[in-house]
Amino acid sequence: MPITTETFKALLAQLAGAVTIITTRDADGQVWGFTASSVCSVSLEPPLALFCLEHTADCYLAFQERNLFAINMLSSEQSELSALFAQKGSAKYRETPFTEGPFGLPLLPSALVHLECSVFARYPGGDHIIIVGQVETGAQPASDAALQPLIYYARSYGTFARLPEPKPAENKNGSGANKSRRR
């Protein structure tokens, strides 16, 4: 018996993800964007990253037609902006200030990181499209070193907290080296 949609969603809610806003401009220069936690790196050579976009998203056509997009990695202080871009409608574009990146893409000025990408490939993915981008340029505009990334986990926003460094286990020689570390 196949897994139900609700069970699948509940299980994947246990996978923490960094929150981003993906942006582009259509042929008329109109800004489009959406909140995504489905971003991941693909390759270092060339530098590739991917995201997934639902076919019913109001920005779907803009991302299908354009070959450039930006990934704006959000800080923990931007949960309201994330919630705004998770909604459909044009109000989010009127209410949000953008700067323009070197490739003419709309960037969020207070994001932790900006990546400007050209489309490398598009793949079907069920009710989503998978878009792989080649990172052309990137910057870390947020100057506050104390800012933390915005994380989405169990249908809630949170942030990163460092764990204490693990203490090395004692071996039989008493040297403290841990030879049983998994790789």
Protein backbone atom coordinates (compact mmCIF):
# COMPACT_ATOMS: atom_id res chain seq x y z
CA MET A 1 0.00 0.00 0.00
CA PRO A 2 1.51 3.37 -0.97
CA ILE A 3 2.15 5.99 1.67
CA THR A 4 -0.58 8.62 2.04
CA THR A 5 0.06 12.27 1.27
CA GLU A 6 -0.62 13.25 4.89
CA THR A 7 1.76 10.61 6.27
CA PHE A 8 4.45 11.63 3.78
CA LYS A 9 4.08 15.30 4.77
CA ALA A 10 4.17 14.46 8.49
CA LEU A 11 7.32 12.38 8.11
CA LEU A 12 9.14 14.98 5.99
CA ALA A 13 8.23 17.69 8.52
CA GLN A 14 10.92 16.05 10.66
CA LEU A 15 13.57 17.10 8.14
CA ALA A 16 14.93 20.51 9.12
CA GLY A 17 15.66 22.87 6.25
CA ALA A 18 17.17 26.29 5.76
CA VAL A 19 14.58 28.85 4.68
CA THR A 20 15.17 30.81 1.50
CA ILE A 21 13.27 33.12 -0.79
CA ILE A 22 13.90 32.40 -4.45
CA THR A 23 13.42 35.41 -6.75
CA THR A 24 13.46 36.25 -10.44
CA ARG A 25 12.11 38.85 -12.86
CA ASP A 26 9.79 38.08 -15.76
CA ALA A 27 10.30 39.44 -19.29
CA ASP A 28 8.50 42.67 -18.27
CA GLY A 29 10.79 43.22 -15.28
CA GLN A 30 8.15 42.22 -12.68
CA VAL A 31 9.60 40.64 -9.52
CA TRP A 32 8.44 37.12 -8.64
CA GLY A 33 9.41 34.94 -5.71
CA PHE A 34 8.45 32.32 -3.17
CA THR A 35 9.61 30.79 0.10
CA ALA A 36 11.48 27.50 -0.22
CA SER A 37 13.11 25.09 2.17
CA SER A 38 13.84 22.63 -0.64
CA VAL A 39 17.20 24.13 -1.65
CA CYS A 40 20.37 22.08 -1.71
CA SER A 41 23.82 22.10 -3.22
CA VAL A 42 24.42 19.69 -6.08
CA SER A 43 27.99 20.13 -7.26
CA LEU A 44 31.15 22.12 -6.59
CA GLU A 45 32.53 21.92 -10.16
CA PRO A 46 30.57 23.59 -11.60
CA PRO A 47 28.89 25.18 -8.57
CA LEU A 48 25.27 23.97 -8.75
CA ALA A 49 22.28 24.34 -6.44
CA LEU A 50 18.69 23.23 -6.90
CA PHE A 51 15.22 24.10 -5.70
CA CYS A 52 11.76 22.66 -6.25
CA LEU A 53 8.71 24.70 -7.27
CA GLU A 54 5.09 23.57 -7.23
CA HIS A 55 3.28 23.72 -10.58
CA THR A 56 0.41 25.69 -9.01
CA ALA A 57 2.64 28.47 -7.62
CA ASP A 58 1.68 31.90 -8.93
CA CYS A 59 5.31 32.48 -9.93
CA TYR A 60 5.66 29.17 -11.81
CA LEU A 61 5.56 30.67 -15.32
CA ALA A 62 8.14 33.33 -14.47
CA PHE A 63 10.60 30.64 -13.35
CA GLN A 64 9.80 28.52 -16.41
CA GLU A 65 10.41 31.41 -18.82
CA ARG A 66 13.48 33.01 -17.25
CA ASN A 67 16.95 31.55 -17.12
CA LEU A 68 18.16 33.52 -14.10
CA PHE A 69 17.15 33.37 -10.44
CA ALA A 70 18.46 34.34 -7.03
CA ILE A 71 18.53 32.36 -3.80
CA ASN A 72 18.20 34.59 -0.72
CA MET A 73 19.12 32.67 2.46
CA LEU A 74 17.14 34.14 5.35
CA SER A 75 18.19 34.99 8.88
CA SER A 76 16.19 34.08 11.97
CA GLU A 77 14.96 37.68 12.05
CA GLN A 78 13.12 37.20 8.73
CA SER A 79 10.39 34.71 9.64
CA GLU A 80 7.65 37.27 8.83
CA LEU A 81 9.16 37.80 5.37
CA SER A 82 9.25 34.04 4.86
CA ALA A 83 5.57 33.75 5.83
CA LEU A 84 4.69 36.60 3.44
CA PHE A 85 6.45 34.93 0.49
CA ALA A 86 4.81 31.60 1.29
CA GLN A 87 1.49 33.19 0.25
CA LYS A 88 0.15 33.77 -3.24
CA GLY A 89 -0.59 37.27 -4.49
CA SER A 90 1.24 40.42 -5.49
CA ALA A 91 1.11 42.28 -2.14
CA LYS A 92 4.40 40.67 -1.11
CA TYR A 93 6.18 42.34 -4.01
CA ARG A 94 4.83 45.81 -3.27
CA GLU A 95 5.64 45.56 0.44
CA THR A 96 9.20 44.26 0.12
CA PRO A 97 12.27 46.35 -0.69
CA PHE A 98 14.75 44.71 -3.07
CA THR A 99 18.20 45.64 -4.26
CA GLU A 100 19.45 44.65 -7.68
CA GLY A 101 22.29 42.20 -8.04
CA PRO A 102 24.98 42.12 -10.72
CA PHE A 103 22.69 39.99 -12.93
CA GLY A 104 19.70 42.34 -12.47
CA LEU A 105 17.99 39.95 -10.07
CA PRO A 106 15.92 41.10 -7.07
CA LEU A 107 17.86 40.51 -3.85
CA LEU A 108 16.70 40.90 -0.26
CA PRO A 109 19.14 43.38 1.31
CA SER A 110 19.12 41.84 4.81
CA ALA A 111 19.49 38.18 3.74
CA LEU A 112 22.40 36.18 5.15
CA VAL A 113 23.55 35.13 1.67
CA HIS A 114 22.64 35.87 -1.96
CA LEU A 115 23.38 33.45 -4.78
CA GLU A 116 22.67 34.56 -8.35
CA CYS A 117 22.23 31.61 -10.68
CA SER A 118 21.68 30.77 -14.32
CA VAL A 119 19.44 27.80 -15.09
CA PHE A 120 21.57 24.71 -15.71
CA ALA A 121 18.68 22.21 -16.07
CA ARG A 122 14.98 21.68 -15.38
CA TYR A 123 13.51 18.29 -14.50
CA PRO A 124 9.96 17.07 -13.88
CA GLY A 125 9.32 16.10 -10.27
CA GLY A 126 5.71 14.98 -9.81
CA ASP A 127 3.64 18.04 -8.91
CA HIS A 128 6.84 20.16 -8.82
CA ILE A 129 9.57 21.18 -11.20
CA ILE A 130 13.19 20.75 -10.12
CA ILE A 131 15.36 23.65 -11.25
CA VAL A 132 19.13 23.31 -11.08
CA GLY A 133 21.09 26.52 -11.24
CA GLN A 134 24.74 27.26 -11.84
CA VAL A 135 25.87 29.77 -9.24
CA GLU A 136 27.34 32.74 -11.11
CA THR A 137 28.00 35.02 -8.14
CA GLY A 138 27.36 35.11 -4.42
CA ALA A 139 27.67 37.48 -1.50
CA GLN A 140 27.14 37.57 2.24
CA PRO A 141 25.52 41.02 2.70
CA ALA A 142 24.44 40.64 6.33
CA SER A 143 27.26 42.17 8.35
CA ASP A 144 26.01 41.11 11.79
CA ALA A 145 28.03 38.02 12.70
CA ALA A 146 25.50 37.23 15.46
CA LEU A 147 22.70 36.56 12.93
CA GLN A 148 21.57 32.94 12.72
CA PRO A 149 19.95 31.15 9.78
CA LEU A 150 16.19 30.71 9.68
CA ILE A 151 15.31 27.00 9.92
CA TYR A 152 11.97 25.29 9.25
CA TYR A 153 11.30 22.13 11.26
CA ALA A 154 8.10 20.33 12.31
CA ARG A 155 6.03 23.08 10.64
CA SER A 156 7.64 25.78 12.79
CA TYR A 157 10.43 28.32 12.43
CA GLY A 158 13.55 28.07 14.51
CA THR A 159 17.25 28.73 14.32
CA PHE A 160 20.58 27.03 14.69
CA ALA A 161 22.15 26.30 18.06
CA ARG A 162 25.66 24.89 18.34
CA LEU A 163 26.05 21.74 20.39
CA PRO A 164 28.97 21.43 22.78
CA GLU A 165 31.99 19.73 21.26
CA PRO A 166 31.91 16.01 22.06
CA LYS A 167 34.57 14.82 24.43
CA PRO A 168 36.92 12.20 22.97
CA ALA A 169 36.30 8.72 24.33
CA GLU A 170 39.06 7.06 26.31
CA ASN A 171 40.66 4.13 24.52
CA LYS A 172 42.35 1.17 26.20
CA ASN A 173 45.68 3.01 26.20
CA GLY A 174 44.11 5.87 28.13
CA SER A 175 45.16 8.39 25.47
CA GLY A 176 41.69 9.85 24.91
CA ALA A 177 41.77 9.23 21.17
CA ASN A 178 38.56 7.89 19.74
CA LYS A 179 39.35 5.11 17.27
CA SER A 180 35.75 4.01 16.84
CA ARG A 181 34.57 7.20 15.10
CA ARG A 182 32.17 6.46 12.26
CA ARG A 183 32.79 7.91 8.81
